[in-house]
Amino acid sequence: MRDFLMAEARRELAERSRAKAALIGARVAAVTVRDTKSRWGSCSATGRLSFSWRLILTPESVLDYVVGHEVAHLREMNHSQRFWTLCAQLTGDVRTPRLWLKANGARLLRYGEGGFEGTEMVSPANDGHTETP
C-alpha cells in the first residue's frame, strides 16, 4: 500500500508543482518524494522540490497549500511578506491548511509506523469534525 501511495504522491506532486510554477514563470528542476519525518516539503536554490509522500493522505487544500508554499520559494527563498503574498496567490487560503497541519501533522508523520492507522484527525476547517485518512 505504501508503494502505491508514494507513486500516487510522486505523480500528483510533480504535476501540481509544474502547473503552479508555470503560473509564476518559474521552472521546477526536479520533484522528489521521500519518507520524511520532520518536514512537508523543501525547495533548493537550484529549483529542486522535495515533498513528504504522506501529503497524498491530506485534504486537497492542504496538499495544494504545501505545493504552493514550495513553489513560491522558487521566487522568494525566504518567508517575507512578498513570499506570503505569492503563496496566497498560488493557493488562496493559507491559514486553514496551516492550522490543519499544526493540528494533525505529528500524527500524520507517524503514519506507517503502526501507531496512526485508524485514528481521526481534525478537518481542514478546524471546526471539530474529524476524518480518517
N, C-alpha and C. Protein backbone atom coordinates (compact mmCIF):
# COMPACT_ATOMS: atom_id res chain seq x y z
N MET A 1 0.83 -1.20 0.00
CA MET A 1 0.00 0.00 0.00
C MET A 1 0.87 1.26 0.00
N ARG A 2 1.94 1.25 0.80
CA ARG A 2 2.80 2.42 0.88
C ARG A 2 3.43 2.73 -0.48
N ASP A 3 3.85 1.71 -1.22
CA ASP A 3 4.44 1.93 -2.54
C ASP A 3 3.43 2.58 -3.48
N PHE A 4 2.18 2.13 -3.41
CA PHE A 4 1.13 2.73 -4.24
C PHE A 4 0.96 4.20 -3.87
N LEU A 5 0.90 4.50 -2.57
CA LEU A 5 0.72 5.88 -2.12
C LEU A 5 1.90 6.77 -2.52
N MET A 6 3.11 6.23 -2.44
CA MET A 6 4.29 7.00 -2.85
C MET A 6 4.25 7.30 -4.35
N ALA A 7 3.86 6.32 -5.14
CA ALA A 7 3.77 6.54 -6.59
C ALA A 7 2.70 7.58 -6.92
N GLU A 8 1.57 7.48 -6.26
CA GLU A 8 0.50 8.46 -6.47
C GLU A 8 0.95 9.85 -6.02
N ALA A 9 1.63 9.93 -4.88
CA ALA A 9 2.14 11.22 -4.39
C ALA A 9 3.13 11.80 -5.39
N ARG A 10 4.02 10.99 -5.90
CA ARG A 10 5.03 11.45 -6.86
C ARG A 10 4.36 12.05 -8.09
N ARG A 11 3.38 11.36 -8.62
CA ARG A 11 2.67 11.84 -9.81
C ARG A 11 1.92 13.14 -9.53
N GLU A 12 1.14 13.15 -8.47
CA GLU A 12 0.31 14.31 -8.13
C GLU A 12 1.15 15.54 -7.78
N LEU A 13 2.18 15.34 -6.97
CA LEU A 13 3.00 16.47 -6.54
C LEU A 13 3.81 17.06 -7.70
N ALA A 14 4.31 16.22 -8.57
CA ALA A 14 5.07 16.72 -9.73
C ALA A 14 4.15 17.51 -10.66
N GLU A 15 2.98 16.97 -10.92
CA GLU A 15 2.03 17.65 -11.80
C GLU A 15 1.62 19.01 -11.24
N ARG A 16 1.25 19.03 -9.98
CA ARG A 16 0.83 20.30 -9.36
C ARG A 16 1.98 21.30 -9.27
N SER A 17 3.16 20.82 -8.94
CA SER A 17 4.31 21.72 -8.81
C SER A 17 4.61 22.42 -10.13
N ARG A 18 4.63 21.66 -11.19
CA ARG A 18 4.94 22.24 -12.51
C ARG A 18 3.84 23.19 -12.96
N ALA A 19 2.60 22.86 -12.68
CA ALA A 19 1.49 23.74 -13.06
C ALA A 19 1.55 25.06 -12.30
N LYS A 20 1.82 25.00 -11.00
CA LYS A 20 1.91 26.23 -10.21
C LYS A 20 3.14 27.05 -10.58
N ALA A 21 4.25 26.38 -10.86
CA ALA A 21 5.46 27.09 -11.27
C ALA A 21 5.21 27.85 -12.58
N ALA A 22 4.47 27.25 -13.49
CA ALA A 22 4.17 27.91 -14.75
C ALA A 22 3.38 29.19 -14.54
N LEU A 23 2.54 29.21 -13.51
CA LEU A 23 1.74 30.41 -13.22
C LEU A 23 2.61 31.61 -12.86
N ILE A 24 3.79 31.35 -12.31
CA ILE A 24 4.67 32.46 -11.91
C ILE A 24 5.92 32.54 -12.79
N GLY A 25 5.92 31.80 -13.88
CA GLY A 25 7.05 31.83 -14.81
C GLY A 25 8.32 31.24 -14.24
N ALA A 26 8.17 30.27 -13.35
CA ALA A 26 9.33 29.61 -12.74
C ALA A 26 9.48 28.21 -13.31
N ARG A 27 10.65 27.64 -13.10
CA ARG A 27 10.91 26.28 -13.59
C ARG A 27 11.28 25.38 -12.42
N VAL A 28 10.66 24.23 -12.37
CA VAL A 28 10.98 23.21 -11.39
C VAL A 28 12.06 22.32 -12.00
N ALA A 29 13.21 22.24 -11.34
CA ALA A 29 14.30 21.40 -11.86
C ALA A 29 13.99 19.92 -11.68
N ALA A 30 13.41 19.56 -10.55
CA ALA A 30 13.06 18.16 -10.27
C ALA A 30 12.12 18.12 -9.08
N VAL A 31 11.34 17.07 -9.01
CA VAL A 31 10.46 16.83 -7.87
C VAL A 31 10.79 15.46 -7.32
N THR A 32 11.09 15.41 -6.03
CA THR A 32 11.31 14.13 -5.37
C THR A 32 10.31 13.96 -4.25
N VAL A 33 9.99 12.72 -3.97
CA VAL A 33 9.07 12.38 -2.89
C VAL A 33 9.82 11.43 -1.97
N ARG A 34 9.80 11.76 -0.69
CA ARG A 34 10.59 11.00 0.28
C ARG A 34 9.77 10.61 1.49
N ASP A 35 10.37 9.79 2.30
CA ASP A 35 9.76 9.37 3.56
C ASP A 35 10.33 10.24 4.67
N THR A 36 9.94 11.51 4.65
CA THR A 36 10.45 12.46 5.63
C THR A 36 9.71 12.34 6.95
N LYS A 37 10.38 12.71 8.01
CA LYS A 37 9.78 12.64 9.34
C LYS A 37 9.65 14.02 9.99
N SER A 38 10.19 15.05 9.35
CA SER A 38 10.19 16.34 10.02
C SER A 38 9.68 17.51 9.19
N ARG A 39 9.56 17.34 7.88
CA ARG A 39 9.07 18.47 7.07
C ARG A 39 8.21 17.97 5.94
N TRP A 40 7.31 18.85 5.52
CA TRP A 40 6.37 18.51 4.46
C TRP A 40 6.96 18.72 3.08
N GLY A 41 7.84 19.70 2.97
CA GLY A 41 8.44 19.97 1.68
C GLY A 41 9.64 20.87 1.83
N SER A 42 10.40 20.95 0.75
CA SER A 42 11.54 21.86 0.73
C SER A 42 11.80 22.27 -0.72
N CYS A 43 12.53 23.36 -0.86
CA CYS A 43 12.91 23.88 -2.17
C CYS A 43 14.37 24.27 -2.10
N SER A 44 15.16 23.72 -3.01
CA SER A 44 16.59 24.05 -3.03
C SER A 44 16.82 25.30 -3.89
N ALA A 45 17.98 25.88 -3.74
CA ALA A 45 18.34 27.05 -4.53
C ALA A 45 18.43 26.73 -6.02
N THR A 46 18.55 25.45 -6.35
CA THR A 46 18.63 25.05 -7.75
C THR A 46 17.26 24.69 -8.35
N GLY A 47 16.20 24.88 -7.57
CA GLY A 47 14.86 24.63 -8.08
C GLY A 47 14.35 23.22 -7.91
N ARG A 48 15.02 22.45 -7.07
CA ARG A 48 14.58 21.07 -6.79
C ARG A 48 13.58 21.11 -5.63
N LEU A 49 12.40 20.54 -5.86
CA LEU A 49 11.38 20.47 -4.82
C LEU A 49 11.33 19.06 -4.27
N SER A 50 11.18 18.96 -2.97
CA SER A 50 11.08 17.67 -2.32
C SER A 50 9.88 17.70 -1.39
N PHE A 51 9.14 16.60 -1.35
CA PHE A 51 7.92 16.54 -0.55
C PHE A 51 7.85 15.23 0.22
N SER A 52 7.09 15.24 1.30
CA SER A 52 6.76 14.02 2.04
C SER A 52 5.66 13.28 1.27
N TRP A 53 5.81 11.98 1.11
CA TRP A 53 4.79 11.20 0.43
C TRP A 53 3.46 11.23 1.18
N ARG A 54 3.51 11.50 2.48
CA ARG A 54 2.30 11.49 3.29
C ARG A 54 1.32 12.62 2.92
N LEU A 55 1.78 13.59 2.15
CA LEU A 55 0.88 14.65 1.72
C LEU A 55 -0.30 14.11 0.91
N ILE A 56 -0.12 12.97 0.27
CA ILE A 56 -1.20 12.39 -0.52
C ILE A 56 -2.36 11.97 0.39
N LEU A 57 -2.12 11.87 1.69
CA LEU A 57 -3.15 11.49 2.65
C LEU A 57 -3.88 12.69 3.24
N THR A 58 -3.45 13.88 2.90
CA THR A 58 -4.05 15.09 3.48
C THR A 58 -5.23 15.55 2.64
N PRO A 59 -6.07 16.41 3.22
CA PRO A 59 -7.14 17.01 2.42
C PRO A 59 -6.56 17.79 1.23
N GLU A 60 -7.33 17.91 0.19
CA GLU A 60 -6.94 18.61 -1.04
C GLU A 60 -6.32 19.98 -0.76
N SER A 61 -6.96 20.75 0.10
CA SER A 61 -6.48 22.11 0.37
C SER A 61 -5.09 22.11 1.02
N VAL A 62 -4.80 21.11 1.82
CA VAL A 62 -3.50 21.02 2.49
C VAL A 62 -2.41 20.66 1.48
N LEU A 63 -2.67 19.67 0.66
CA LEU A 63 -1.72 19.27 -0.38
C LEU A 63 -1.45 20.46 -1.30
N ASP A 64 -2.50 21.15 -1.72
CA ASP A 64 -2.36 22.31 -2.60
C ASP A 64 -1.54 23.42 -1.95
N TYR A 65 -1.78 23.66 -0.66
CA TYR A 65 -1.04 24.68 0.06
C TYR A 65 0.46 24.35 0.12
N VAL A 66 0.81 23.13 0.47
CA VAL A 66 2.22 22.77 0.60
C VAL A 66 2.92 22.90 -0.75
N VAL A 67 2.27 22.47 -1.81
CA VAL A 67 2.86 22.63 -3.14
C VAL A 67 3.05 24.12 -3.44
N GLY A 68 2.02 24.91 -3.22
CA GLY A 68 2.13 26.35 -3.46
C GLY A 68 3.22 27.00 -2.63
N HIS A 69 3.34 26.57 -1.39
CA HIS A 69 4.37 27.09 -0.48
C HIS A 69 5.76 26.85 -1.06
N GLU A 70 6.02 25.61 -1.47
CA GLU A 70 7.35 25.29 -2.00
C GLU A 70 7.59 25.96 -3.36
N VAL A 71 6.59 26.01 -4.20
CA VAL A 71 6.75 26.69 -5.49
C VAL A 71 7.02 28.18 -5.28
N ALA A 72 6.38 28.78 -4.30
CA ALA A 72 6.63 30.20 -4.02
C ALA A 72 8.10 30.43 -3.67
N HIS A 73 8.75 29.43 -3.08
CA HIS A 73 10.17 29.55 -2.76
C HIS A 73 11.05 29.58 -4.02
N LEU A 74 10.52 29.18 -5.15
CA LEU A 74 11.28 29.29 -6.39
C LEU A 74 11.54 30.76 -6.73
N ARG A 75 10.67 31.66 -6.24
CA ARG A 75 10.82 33.10 -6.45
C ARG A 75 11.34 33.84 -5.22
N GLU A 76 10.88 33.41 -4.08
CA GLU A 76 11.24 34.06 -2.80
C GLU A 76 11.79 33.00 -1.86
N MET A 77 13.10 32.95 -1.69
CA MET A 77 13.73 31.92 -0.87
C MET A 77 13.79 32.38 0.59
N ASN A 78 12.63 32.77 1.10
CA ASN A 78 12.52 33.30 2.46
C ASN A 78 11.05 33.21 2.87
N HIS A 79 10.73 33.75 4.01
CA HIS A 79 9.34 33.82 4.45
C HIS A 79 8.94 35.27 4.68
N SER A 80 9.32 36.12 3.76
CA SER A 80 8.99 37.55 3.83
C SER A 80 7.52 37.78 3.47
N GLN A 81 7.08 39.01 3.60
CA GLN A 81 5.71 39.34 3.20
C GLN A 81 5.50 39.08 1.71
N ARG A 82 6.51 39.34 0.90
CA ARG A 82 6.41 39.06 -0.54
C ARG A 82 6.19 37.56 -0.78
N PHE A 83 6.89 36.73 -0.01
CA PHE A 83 6.70 35.29 -0.12
C PHE A 83 5.26 34.92 0.19
N TRP A 84 4.74 35.39 1.34
CA TRP A 84 3.38 35.02 1.76
C TRP A 84 2.33 35.53 0.80
N THR A 85 2.57 36.69 0.19
CA THR A 85 1.65 37.21 -0.82
C THR A 85 1.63 36.29 -2.04
N LEU A 86 2.81 35.88 -2.48
CA LEU A 86 2.91 34.97 -3.62
C LEU A 86 2.29 33.61 -3.28
N CYS A 87 2.54 33.12 -2.10
CA CYS A 87 1.97 31.84 -1.66
C CYS A 87 0.44 31.91 -1.70
N ALA A 88 -0.13 33.00 -1.20
CA ALA A 88 -1.58 33.17 -1.21
C ALA A 88 -2.12 33.25 -2.64
N GLN A 89 -1.36 33.86 -3.54
CA GLN A 89 -1.78 33.92 -4.94
C GLN A 89 -1.83 32.52 -5.55
N LEU A 90 -0.92 31.66 -5.14
CA LEU A 90 -0.85 30.31 -5.68
C LEU A 90 -1.84 29.35 -5.06
N THR A 91 -2.23 29.61 -3.81
CA THR A 91 -3.06 28.63 -3.10
C THR A 91 -4.39 29.17 -2.59
N GLY A 92 -4.55 30.47 -2.57
CA GLY A 92 -5.77 31.03 -1.98
C GLY A 92 -5.61 31.08 -0.47
N ASP A 93 -6.30 30.22 0.23
CA ASP A 93 -6.27 30.18 1.70
C ASP A 93 -4.98 29.53 2.18
N VAL A 94 -4.20 30.26 2.96
CA VAL A 94 -3.01 29.66 3.57
C VAL A 94 -3.25 29.34 5.04
N ARG A 95 -4.16 30.05 5.65
CA ARG A 95 -4.38 29.89 7.09
C ARG A 95 -4.97 28.52 7.46
N THR A 96 -6.03 28.12 6.80
CA THR A 96 -6.71 26.87 7.17
C THR A 96 -5.82 25.65 6.98
N PRO A 97 -5.14 25.51 5.84
CA PRO A 97 -4.24 24.35 5.71
C PRO A 97 -3.11 24.34 6.74
N ARG A 98 -2.59 25.52 7.07
CA ARG A 98 -1.54 25.58 8.10
C ARG A 98 -2.07 25.13 9.44
N LEU A 99 -3.31 25.53 9.77
CA LEU A 99 -3.93 25.08 11.03
C LEU A 99 -4.13 23.57 11.02
N TRP A 100 -4.53 23.03 9.87
CA TRP A 100 -4.73 21.59 9.77
C TRP A 100 -3.42 20.86 10.02
N LEU A 101 -2.35 21.32 9.39
CA LEU A 101 -1.04 20.68 9.60
C LEU A 101 -0.59 20.79 11.04
N LYS A 102 -0.85 21.93 11.66
CA LYS A 102 -0.46 22.10 13.06
C LYS A 102 -1.23 21.12 13.95
N ALA A 103 -2.51 20.94 13.66
CA ALA A 103 -3.35 20.05 14.48
C ALA A 103 -3.08 18.57 14.20
N ASN A 104 -2.70 18.22 12.99
CA ASN A 104 -2.64 16.81 12.58
C ASN A 104 -1.27 16.33 12.11
N GLY A 105 -0.35 17.25 11.91
CA GLY A 105 0.92 16.90 11.29
C GLY A 105 1.73 15.85 12.02
N ALA A 106 1.84 15.94 13.31
CA ALA A 106 2.66 14.98 14.05
C ALA A 106 2.11 13.57 13.90
N ARG A 107 0.79 13.42 13.98
CA ARG A 107 0.20 12.09 13.81
C ARG A 107 0.37 11.59 12.39
N LEU A 108 0.23 12.48 11.43
CA LEU A 108 0.37 12.07 10.03
C LEU A 108 1.80 11.63 9.74
N LEU A 109 2.78 12.30 10.31
CA LEU A 109 4.17 11.91 10.10
C LEU A 109 4.48 10.53 10.69
N ARG A 110 3.66 10.08 11.63
CA ARG A 110 3.83 8.74 12.20
C ARG A 110 3.13 7.67 11.38
N TYR A 111 2.35 8.07 10.39
CA TYR A 111 1.62 7.10 9.58
C TYR A 111 2.60 6.08 8.98
N GLY A 112 2.24 4.82 9.08
CA GLY A 112 3.09 3.76 8.58
C GLY A 112 3.99 3.17 9.64
N GLU A 113 3.97 3.74 10.83
CA GLU A 113 4.79 3.22 11.93
C GLU A 113 3.97 2.37 12.88
N GLY A 114 2.72 2.12 12.54
CA GLY A 114 1.89 1.24 13.35
C GLY A 114 1.06 1.94 14.39
N GLY A 115 1.28 3.20 14.68
CA GLY A 115 0.53 3.86 15.72
C GLY A 115 -0.45 4.89 15.24
N PHE A 116 -0.70 4.95 13.94
CA PHE A 116 -1.53 6.00 13.39
C PHE A 116 -2.81 5.50 12.75
N GLU A 117 -2.73 4.41 12.01
CA GLU A 117 -3.87 3.95 11.23
C GLU A 117 -5.13 3.87 12.08
N GLY A 118 -6.20 4.37 11.50
CA GLY A 118 -7.49 4.30 12.16
C GLY A 118 -7.77 5.44 13.12
N THR A 119 -6.80 6.32 13.38
CA THR A 119 -7.07 7.44 14.27
C THR A 119 -7.72 8.56 13.47
N GLU A 120 -8.38 9.44 14.15
CA GLU A 120 -9.07 10.53 13.48
C GLU A 120 -8.25 11.80 13.56
N MET A 121 -8.47 12.65 12.57
CA MET A 121 -7.78 13.93 12.52
C MET A 121 -8.81 15.03 12.40
N VAL A 122 -8.44 16.22 12.83
CA VAL A 122 -9.32 17.37 12.74
C VAL A 122 -9.45 17.78 11.28
N SER A 123 -10.64 18.16 10.88
CA SER A 123 -10.86 18.54 9.48
C SER A 123 -10.13 19.83 9.16
N PRO A 124 -9.89 20.10 7.87
CA PRO A 124 -9.16 21.31 7.49
C PRO A 124 -9.89 22.58 7.91
N ALA A 125 -11.18 22.52 8.09
CA ALA A 125 -11.91 23.70 8.54
C ALA A 125 -11.66 23.96 10.03
N ASN A 126 -11.01 22.99 10.69
CA ASN A 126 -10.69 23.12 12.12
C ASN A 126 -11.94 23.40 12.95
N ASP A 127 -13.04 22.75 12.56
CA ASP A 127 -14.31 23.03 13.22
C ASP A 127 -14.80 21.89 14.11
N GLY A 128 -13.89 20.99 14.46
CA GLY A 128 -14.26 19.91 15.35
C GLY A 128 -14.66 18.64 14.63
N HIS A 129 -14.91 18.71 13.32
CA HIS A 129 -15.19 17.49 12.56
C HIS A 129 -13.92 16.70 12.42
N THR A 130 -14.05 15.42 12.24
CA THR A 130 -12.86 14.59 12.10
C THR A 130 -12.96 13.79 10.81
N GLU A 131 -11.81 13.30 10.40
CA GLU A 131 -11.75 12.43 9.23
C GLU A 131 -10.64 11.44 9.42
N THR A 132 -10.75 10.33 8.77
CA THR A 132 -9.72 9.29 8.81
C THR A 132 -9.07 9.24 7.44
N PRO A 133 -7.72 9.28 7.40
CA PRO A 133 -7.06 9.28 6.10
C PRO A 133 -7.26 7.97 5.36
